[in-house]
Structures are given as C-alpha cells and as structure tokens.
Amino acid sequence: MSTGAAPPVVDARGGRSPAGRVAVAAAQLLAAVVAIFALTTLLPGDAAEVVLGPDATDEQVERLRTELGTGLPAAERLGDWLGGLVTGDLKTSLVTGRPVVDEVADRLGSTVLLAALGLAVMVPLGVAVGTAAGRRPGSVVDRVSTATVSALQAAPQFATGLLLVGLFSLQLGWLPATAGGGSLLSPAVLVLPVVVLVAAQLGWLSRQIRQGVLQTDRAPHVTHLRRLGLPERDVLLRHVLPGGLAPSVQQLARIVEGTLGGVVVVEALFALPGVGAGVVDAVQNRDIPLIQGYALLAALVTITVNLVADAATARLSPVREDEP
C-alpha cells in the first residue's frame, strides 16, 4: 500500500546512493594502488643499477638495494608503501632525492593549466556544435560540423601538432613552436597545444551532444510544450539541453581522461615542463617511486572524474522507481 511519499530517486546507472558511489570509488582506488605497485614491481631491470650507472661498485649497488627495500618480500614492501600513502609519504625520487610529492607538484601546475584551458574551450564549443547539429539534422550545419569534427578526431595528435607548428610557427611565424624555456603563462605558447587537445577530443563530445539533443528535441513532452506556446528559448534551455546533456556527462568523463592522456603527447611535442615530461623522465631513469607517484595521480584523477560524472548523470536524468 502506498504511503503517499514520493518514490525514491535513483540514478540511471543502477541506483547507487551517494554513499554507495563513494564506497565504489574507494574500492577502485585501493585496487588501483595494488595494481600500480604490482606493475612497477614487475618492471624489468634493476633500479639500483640504473640509478647508480655502470661505474657503480657491487657494494654501492647492494647498499642502494637495501635502502630501496627491493630484497624484502613483496607483501612487506606493499604494506610499507600503503602506510606511506595514508600519511602522505610517497617516498623520495631515486634520481633527485626530493620527495615524490614535491616532484609531482612542481610539474602539476603546467599540466593542470593546459588541461583546464583545453576543457574550457572544448566544452562550450562541443555543446554549441552538438546542439546546432542536433536541432537541424541533415542540414548543411549538421553535415559540415560532423565531417569536420570527425576528420579532426581521426588525425593523430602528434600529426596535428606537427602540421600546426609547420604552418603557424615555421611558415607564418605567428606562434612559437615550443615553450623554449619561456614563460608557460604566455598566451602565445599555449595556443597551439590547446588547439591540438581540443581537436582530438571535440568530436567525441559534440557527436554525443548532437545525439542527445536530437532525441530530446523530438520527445513528446517537448513537442507538447511547443504546442502550448512556450517560448522556444525556454524550451531549449530548460528542457532540450538538460535532457540532451545528461547522456554526455559520462562521455565528458572519458574526454577528461583522454585530455589528460593527450597532455603527455602535447607536452612532449611542444616541450612543455609538465607531468607528461616528468613521466617520460621517470621511466627512462627507472625512478620507481616517482613512476608510482605519477600513476597514483592518474588513478586519483580518473576515479574522481568518474565519481563526479556519475553523480551529475543521476542529477540531470533521475529515474523514479514506483513502490510496489
């Protein structure tokens, strides 16, 4: 028998409560931490020999192995690393001797700036392009925008970057080809990297929004609102866009992950001093604690983005379960 209370609201992805989503995210983070430790442990080569170089004596190598704890059982080393994570101690870099937290923080600023600028351009542009195409399917706007973003998406980031550098830097001389040791905050330095990031991910977002807007715009309740004489602007902003954007929130989470992954390529191409360059250096130097720090950062960002996207999807498109 119904009690008259409103039926519970659950999200479209299985009805997890906020506490349930946080619990799942925590479990994912723990699994990621264990996987990071296992994978870095299985890396080939001897970290002590790589760090000390070929001229090191056996005594020096053995001493560094003892300091690193590589001779200890894997379970003991994992427990030590987990204990450090709880207290915020990610150990120290084998190459510089500085705390891993400081090493990552030094490079994080430029990466966050580049990724944030890319998303700040990509999201409004993707919404505008997807909405325009979705409201006029089959039109010139739809065909041209779809073909353009598909072509940009198909081109590898590295190839796109080289073409832009060749045109705007070498031929026209309008923009610098790399950071070149200059200030990363210079707008000219960031233009081409941001364009490359946006070009690679814009197609995913705009096409998802186009599909959502197309379906919502033809929904019976939207058609009924138009028959009632509701202004078209209100129909678009209050009903079509919220419904059309809901499926795109999860896609946006994938785009954020793709953007962060693309930053590695872009930073290498344009010589930007960010996390991507730090990852490359850490792998080349066999700096295990630093590799683990960067991998942990990537896991945290990915899990957090998906957690926020999950909650936003539930907020934009609630599904009501009728009580028996």
Protein backbone atom coordinates (compact mmCIF):
# COMPACT_ATOMS: atom_id res chain seq x y z
CA MET A 1 0.00 0.00 0.00
CA SER A 2 1.31 3.40 -0.92
CA THR A 3 2.02 5.78 1.95
CA GLY A 4 1.79 8.89 -0.23
CA ALA A 5 5.52 9.56 -0.01
CA ALA A 6 7.47 10.39 -3.14
CA PRO A 7 9.11 7.37 -4.74
CA PRO A 8 12.87 7.14 -4.24
CA VAL A 9 15.06 8.69 -6.89
CA VAL A 10 17.82 6.54 -8.30
CA ASP A 11 20.33 7.29 -10.98
CA ALA A 12 20.30 5.75 -14.41
CA ARG A 13 23.34 3.59 -13.71
CA GLY A 14 21.94 1.22 -11.16
CA GLY A 15 20.54 3.42 -8.39
CA ARG A 16 23.59 3.76 -6.16
CA SER A 17 23.27 6.31 -3.41
CA PRO A 18 25.99 8.98 -2.94
CA ALA A 19 27.49 6.90 -0.14
CA GLY A 20 27.44 3.85 -2.40
CA ARG A 21 29.21 5.72 -5.18
CA VAL A 22 31.91 6.90 -2.77
CA ALA A 23 32.36 3.34 -1.48
CA VAL A 24 32.78 2.02 -5.02
CA ALA A 25 35.30 4.80 -5.77
CA ALA A 26 37.27 3.91 -2.63
CA ALA A 27 37.36 0.25 -3.67
CA GLN A 28 38.52 1.24 -7.15
CA LEU A 29 41.28 3.39 -5.68
CA LEU A 30 42.51 0.54 -3.48
CA ALA A 31 42.54 -1.81 -6.47
CA ALA A 32 44.44 0.80 -8.50
CA VAL A 33 47.03 1.20 -5.74
CA VAL A 34 47.66 -2.54 -5.61
CA ALA A 35 47.85 -2.73 -9.42
CA ILE A 36 50.31 0.18 -9.56
CA PHE A 37 52.57 -1.49 -7.02
CA ALA A 38 52.40 -4.85 -8.79
CA LEU A 39 53.12 -3.43 -12.25
CA THR A 40 56.03 -1.26 -11.13
CA THR A 41 57.47 -4.23 -9.24
CA LEU A 42 57.39 -6.30 -12.42
CA LEU A 43 59.29 -3.72 -14.47
CA PRO A 44 62.41 -5.31 -15.98
CA GLY A 45 65.88 -4.31 -14.86
CA ASP A 46 67.44 -3.37 -11.56
CA ALA A 47 66.53 0.10 -10.31
CA ALA A 48 69.71 0.33 -8.24
CA GLU A 49 71.94 -0.42 -11.23
CA VAL A 50 70.07 2.04 -13.46
CA VAL A 51 70.26 4.85 -10.89
CA LEU A 52 73.94 4.34 -10.00
CA GLY A 53 75.09 3.73 -13.54
CA PRO A 54 77.57 1.22 -14.99
CA ASP A 55 80.52 2.54 -12.97
CA ALA A 56 79.00 1.71 -9.58
CA THR A 57 80.61 -0.99 -7.47
CA ASP A 58 78.77 -4.07 -6.25
CA GLU A 59 78.85 -2.68 -2.72
CA GLN A 60 77.19 0.57 -3.81
CA VAL A 61 74.51 -1.30 -5.73
CA GLU A 62 73.81 -3.62 -2.81
CA ARG A 63 73.64 -0.67 -0.40
CA LEU A 64 71.06 1.10 -2.59
CA ARG A 65 69.05 -2.11 -2.93
CA THR A 66 68.91 -2.29 0.86
CA GLU A 67 67.77 1.34 1.08
CA LEU A 68 65.09 0.71 -1.53
CA GLY A 69 63.98 -2.48 0.16
CA THR A 70 63.96 -4.40 -3.09
CA GLY A 71 65.17 -7.50 -1.31
CA LEU A 72 62.20 -7.57 1.06
CA PRO A 73 59.11 -9.71 0.37
CA ALA A 74 56.55 -8.06 -1.92
CA ALA A 75 53.84 -8.10 0.77
CA GLU A 76 56.09 -6.24 3.19
CA ARG A 77 57.02 -3.64 0.58
CA LEU A 78 53.35 -3.17 -0.33
CA GLY A 79 52.42 -2.70 3.31
CA ASP A 80 55.18 -0.13 3.72
CA TRP A 81 54.00 1.77 0.63
CA LEU A 82 50.37 1.70 1.73
CA GLY A 83 51.39 3.00 5.14
CA GLY A 84 53.20 5.85 3.47
CA LEU A 85 50.17 6.68 1.34
CA VAL A 86 48.00 7.02 4.44
CA THR A 87 50.38 9.61 5.89
CA GLY A 88 51.03 11.32 2.55
CA ASP A 89 54.56 9.97 2.23
CA LEU A 90 55.22 8.78 -1.33
CA LYS A 91 58.93 8.20 -0.65
CA THR A 92 61.68 10.10 -2.44
CA SER A 93 62.88 10.23 -6.02
CA LEU A 94 65.83 7.93 -6.69
CA VAL A 95 67.38 10.48 -9.05
CA THR A 96 66.91 13.83 -7.30
CA GLY A 97 66.47 12.67 -3.71
CA ARG A 98 63.49 15.00 -3.32
CA PRO A 99 60.09 13.86 -2.02
CA VAL A 100 57.91 12.43 -4.77
CA VAL A 101 55.08 14.74 -3.69
CA ASP A 102 57.27 17.76 -4.38
CA GLU A 103 58.45 16.40 -7.72
CA VAL A 104 54.87 15.80 -8.89
CA ALA A 105 53.63 19.14 -7.53
CA ASP A 106 56.36 21.05 -9.39
CA ARG A 107 55.12 19.70 -12.73
CA LEU A 108 51.42 19.57 -11.97
CA GLY A 109 50.73 23.28 -12.41
CA SER A 110 51.52 23.47 -16.13
CA THR A 111 49.61 20.27 -16.85
CA VAL A 112 46.52 21.47 -14.97
CA LEU A 113 46.71 24.82 -16.76
CA LEU A 114 46.94 23.18 -20.17
CA ALA A 115 44.17 20.65 -19.49
CA ALA A 116 41.89 23.29 -17.95
CA LEU A 117 42.30 25.62 -20.91
CA GLY A 118 41.62 22.76 -23.30
CA LEU A 119 38.41 21.80 -21.47
CA ALA A 120 37.35 25.45 -21.13
CA VAL A 121 37.46 25.75 -24.91
CA MET A 122 36.25 22.26 -25.74
CA VAL A 123 33.12 22.02 -23.59
CA PRO A 124 31.34 25.23 -24.73
CA LEU A 125 32.39 24.60 -28.33
CA GLY A 126 31.21 20.99 -28.18
CA VAL A 127 27.87 22.00 -26.68
CA ALA A 128 27.37 24.69 -29.33
CA VAL A 129 28.32 22.46 -32.26
CA GLY A 130 26.38 19.44 -30.98
CA THR A 131 23.27 21.47 -30.21
CA ALA A 132 23.27 23.23 -33.58
CA ALA A 133 23.68 19.93 -35.41
CA GLY A 134 21.14 18.07 -33.27
CA ARG A 135 18.40 20.65 -33.75
CA ARG A 136 18.84 20.66 -37.54
CA PRO A 137 19.65 17.06 -38.53
CA GLY A 138 20.63 16.68 -42.15
CA SER A 139 21.19 20.41 -42.62
CA VAL A 140 24.35 22.00 -44.00
CA VAL A 141 25.38 22.87 -40.44
CA ASP A 142 24.95 19.26 -39.38
CA ARG A 143 26.85 17.78 -42.31
CA VAL A 144 29.73 20.26 -42.21
CA SER A 145 30.21 20.11 -38.44
CA THR A 146 30.04 16.31 -38.34
CA ALA A 147 32.54 15.94 -41.17
CA THR A 148 34.91 18.48 -39.63
CA VAL A 149 34.99 17.06 -36.11
CA SER A 150 35.27 13.51 -37.46
CA ALA A 151 38.30 14.47 -39.54
CA LEU A 152 39.94 16.18 -36.57
CA GLN A 153 39.24 13.21 -34.35
CA ALA A 154 40.73 10.76 -36.85
CA ALA A 155 44.02 12.64 -37.13
CA PRO A 156 46.69 11.61 -34.58
CA GLN A 157 47.54 14.33 -32.09
CA PHE A 158 51.20 14.23 -32.97
CA ALA A 159 50.46 14.68 -36.68
CA THR A 160 48.03 17.53 -35.99
CA GLY A 161 50.60 19.24 -33.81
CA LEU A 162 53.33 18.95 -36.44
CA LEU A 163 51.07 20.39 -39.13
CA LEU A 164 50.10 23.33 -36.93
CA VAL A 165 53.73 24.00 -36.00
CA GLY A 166 54.76 23.86 -39.65
CA LEU A 167 52.04 26.31 -40.68
CA PHE A 168 51.75 28.81 -37.83
CA SER A 169 55.32 28.67 -36.50
CA LEU A 170 57.67 27.88 -39.37
CA GLN A 171 55.83 29.39 -42.33
CA LEU A 172 53.75 32.23 -40.90
CA GLY A 173 55.83 32.87 -37.78
CA TRP A 174 52.75 33.82 -35.77
CA LEU A 175 53.22 31.47 -32.82
CA PRO A 176 56.20 29.85 -31.07
CA ALA A 177 56.84 26.21 -31.92
CA THR A 178 57.77 25.25 -28.33
CA ALA A 179 57.89 26.76 -24.88
CA GLY A 180 61.63 27.21 -25.44
CA GLY A 181 62.33 27.94 -21.79
CA GLY A 182 59.99 30.92 -21.83
CA SER A 183 57.05 31.58 -19.55
CA LEU A 184 54.32 28.96 -19.77
CA LEU A 185 51.80 31.64 -18.88
CA SER A 186 52.41 33.39 -22.21
CA PRO A 187 49.22 33.03 -24.29
CA ALA A 188 51.23 32.54 -27.47
CA VAL A 189 52.97 29.46 -26.01
CA LEU A 190 49.66 27.81 -25.10
CA VAL A 191 47.65 28.44 -28.28
CA LEU A 192 48.88 25.52 -30.38
CA PRO A 193 48.91 22.95 -27.52
CA VAL A 194 45.33 23.87 -26.61
CA VAL A 195 44.21 23.62 -30.23
CA VAL A 196 45.74 20.15 -30.52
CA LEU A 197 44.00 18.96 -27.34
CA VAL A 198 40.63 20.36 -28.44
CA ALA A 199 40.89 18.96 -31.96
CA ALA A 200 41.48 15.42 -30.69
CA GLN A 201 38.53 15.29 -28.29
CA LEU A 202 35.92 17.67 -29.72
CA GLY A 203 34.36 15.05 -31.99
CA TRP A 204 33.52 12.68 -29.13
CA LEU A 205 31.67 15.36 -27.17
CA SER A 206 29.87 17.15 -30.00
CA ARG A 207 28.53 13.94 -31.54
CA GLN A 208 27.27 12.69 -28.17
CA ILE A 209 25.53 16.00 -27.52
CA ARG A 210 24.08 16.00 -31.03
CA GLN A 211 22.51 12.60 -30.44
CA GLY A 212 21.12 13.59 -27.04
CA VAL A 213 19.68 16.88 -28.30
CA LEU A 214 18.20 15.16 -31.35
CA GLN A 215 16.36 12.61 -29.19
CA THR A 216 15.20 15.12 -26.59
CA ASP A 217 14.08 17.69 -29.15
CA ARG A 218 11.67 15.11 -30.62
CA ALA A 219 10.39 13.84 -27.27
CA PRO A 220 6.62 14.01 -26.74
CA HIS A 221 6.83 16.33 -23.73
CA VAL A 222 8.96 18.82 -25.67
CA THR A 223 6.52 18.75 -28.59
CA HIS A 224 3.67 19.33 -26.17
CA LEU A 225 5.41 22.34 -24.61
CA ARG A 226 5.79 23.90 -28.04
CA ARG A 227 2.08 23.36 -28.74
CA LEU A 228 1.31 25.17 -25.51
CA GLY A 229 3.18 28.20 -26.83
CA LEU A 230 6.20 28.09 -24.54
CA PRO A 231 8.93 30.34 -25.96
CA GLU A 232 11.50 28.39 -27.97
CA ARG A 233 14.34 29.74 -25.86
CA ASP A 234 12.74 28.35 -22.69
CA VAL A 235 12.12 25.01 -24.40
CA LEU A 236 15.76 24.83 -25.41
CA LEU A 237 17.37 25.96 -22.15
CA ARG A 238 15.03 24.30 -19.66
CA HIS A 239 14.11 21.06 -21.37
CA VAL A 240 16.09 20.19 -24.50
CA LEU A 241 19.58 21.00 -23.25
CA PRO A 242 19.29 19.35 -19.78
CA GLY A 243 17.90 16.19 -21.34
CA GLY A 244 20.38 16.26 -24.19
CA LEU A 245 23.38 16.87 -21.94
CA ALA A 246 22.62 14.07 -19.48
CA PRO A 247 23.99 11.25 -21.67
CA SER A 248 27.01 13.41 -22.47
CA VAL A 249 28.19 13.74 -18.88
CA GLN A 250 29.64 10.25 -18.86
CA GLN A 251 31.23 10.91 -22.24
CA LEU A 252 32.71 14.08 -20.77
CA ALA A 253 34.40 11.94 -18.13
CA ARG A 254 36.02 9.89 -20.90
CA ILE A 255 37.04 13.13 -22.61
CA VAL A 256 38.71 14.44 -19.45
CA GLU A 257 40.66 11.20 -19.21
CA GLY A 258 41.56 11.40 -22.89
CA THR A 259 42.63 15.01 -22.49
CA LEU A 260 44.94 14.14 -19.62
CA GLY A 261 46.38 11.30 -21.66
CA GLY A 262 46.83 13.60 -24.64
CA VAL A 263 48.69 16.08 -22.48
CA VAL A 264 51.62 13.64 -22.40
CA VAL A 265 51.92 13.78 -26.20
CA VAL A 266 51.32 17.52 -26.39
CA GLU A 267 53.85 18.34 -23.67
CA ALA A 268 56.46 16.22 -25.42
CA LEU A 269 55.73 17.85 -28.78
CA PHE A 270 55.79 21.43 -27.53
CA ALA A 271 58.49 20.94 -24.85
CA LEU A 272 56.21 21.93 -22.00
CA PRO A 273 57.52 21.20 -18.47
CA GLY A 274 54.52 19.26 -17.20
CA VAL A 275 53.57 15.86 -15.83
CA GLY A 276 53.91 14.23 -19.24
CA ALA A 277 57.58 15.13 -19.50
CA GLY A 278 58.05 14.02 -15.89
CA VAL A 279 56.58 10.60 -16.63
CA VAL A 280 58.92 10.12 -19.58
CA ASP A 281 61.96 11.10 -17.48
CA ALA A 282 60.92 8.86 -14.60
CA VAL A 283 60.51 5.83 -16.86
CA GLN A 284 63.82 6.45 -18.58
CA ASN A 285 65.60 6.77 -15.23
CA ARG A 286 63.83 3.76 -13.72
CA ASP A 287 62.73 6.03 -10.86
CA ILE A 288 60.19 3.62 -9.34
CA PRO A 289 58.84 5.86 -6.51
CA LEU A 290 58.30 8.72 -8.98
CA ILE A 291 56.60 6.42 -11.50
CA GLN A 292 54.31 5.22 -8.73
CA GLY A 293 53.53 8.80 -7.76
CA TYR A 294 52.54 9.78 -11.30
CA ALA A 295 50.47 6.60 -11.72
CA LEU A 296 48.69 7.25 -8.43
CA LEU A 297 47.90 10.80 -9.56
CA ALA A 298 46.39 9.47 -12.80
CA ALA A 299 44.28 6.95 -10.88
CA LEU A 300 43.01 9.62 -8.46
CA VAL A 301 42.02 11.95 -11.29
CA THR A 302 40.29 9.20 -13.27
CA ILE A 303 38.30 7.87 -10.31
CA THR A 304 37.32 11.35 -9.13
CA VAL A 305 36.17 12.42 -12.60
CA ASN A 306 34.03 9.31 -12.97
CA LEU A 307 32.58 9.79 -9.48
CA VAL A 308 31.55 13.37 -10.30
CA ALA A 309 30.17 12.32 -13.69
CA ASP A 310 28.15 9.53 -12.08
CA ALA A 311 26.61 11.96 -9.60
CA ALA A 312 25.93 14.56 -12.30
CA THR A 313 24.20 11.99 -14.50
CA ALA A 314 21.91 11.00 -11.64
CA ARG A 315 21.15 14.67 -11.04
CA LEU A 316 20.34 15.51 -14.67
CA SER A 317 18.34 12.40 -15.54
CA PRO A 318 16.67 10.93 -12.43
CA VAL A 319 14.66 7.75 -12.78
CA ARG A 320 11.84 7.12 -10.34
CA GLU A 321 11.17 3.65 -9.11
CA ASP A 322 7.50 3.02 -8.31
CA GLU A 323 6.89 1.40 -5.00
CA PRO A 324 5.15 -1.97 -5.16
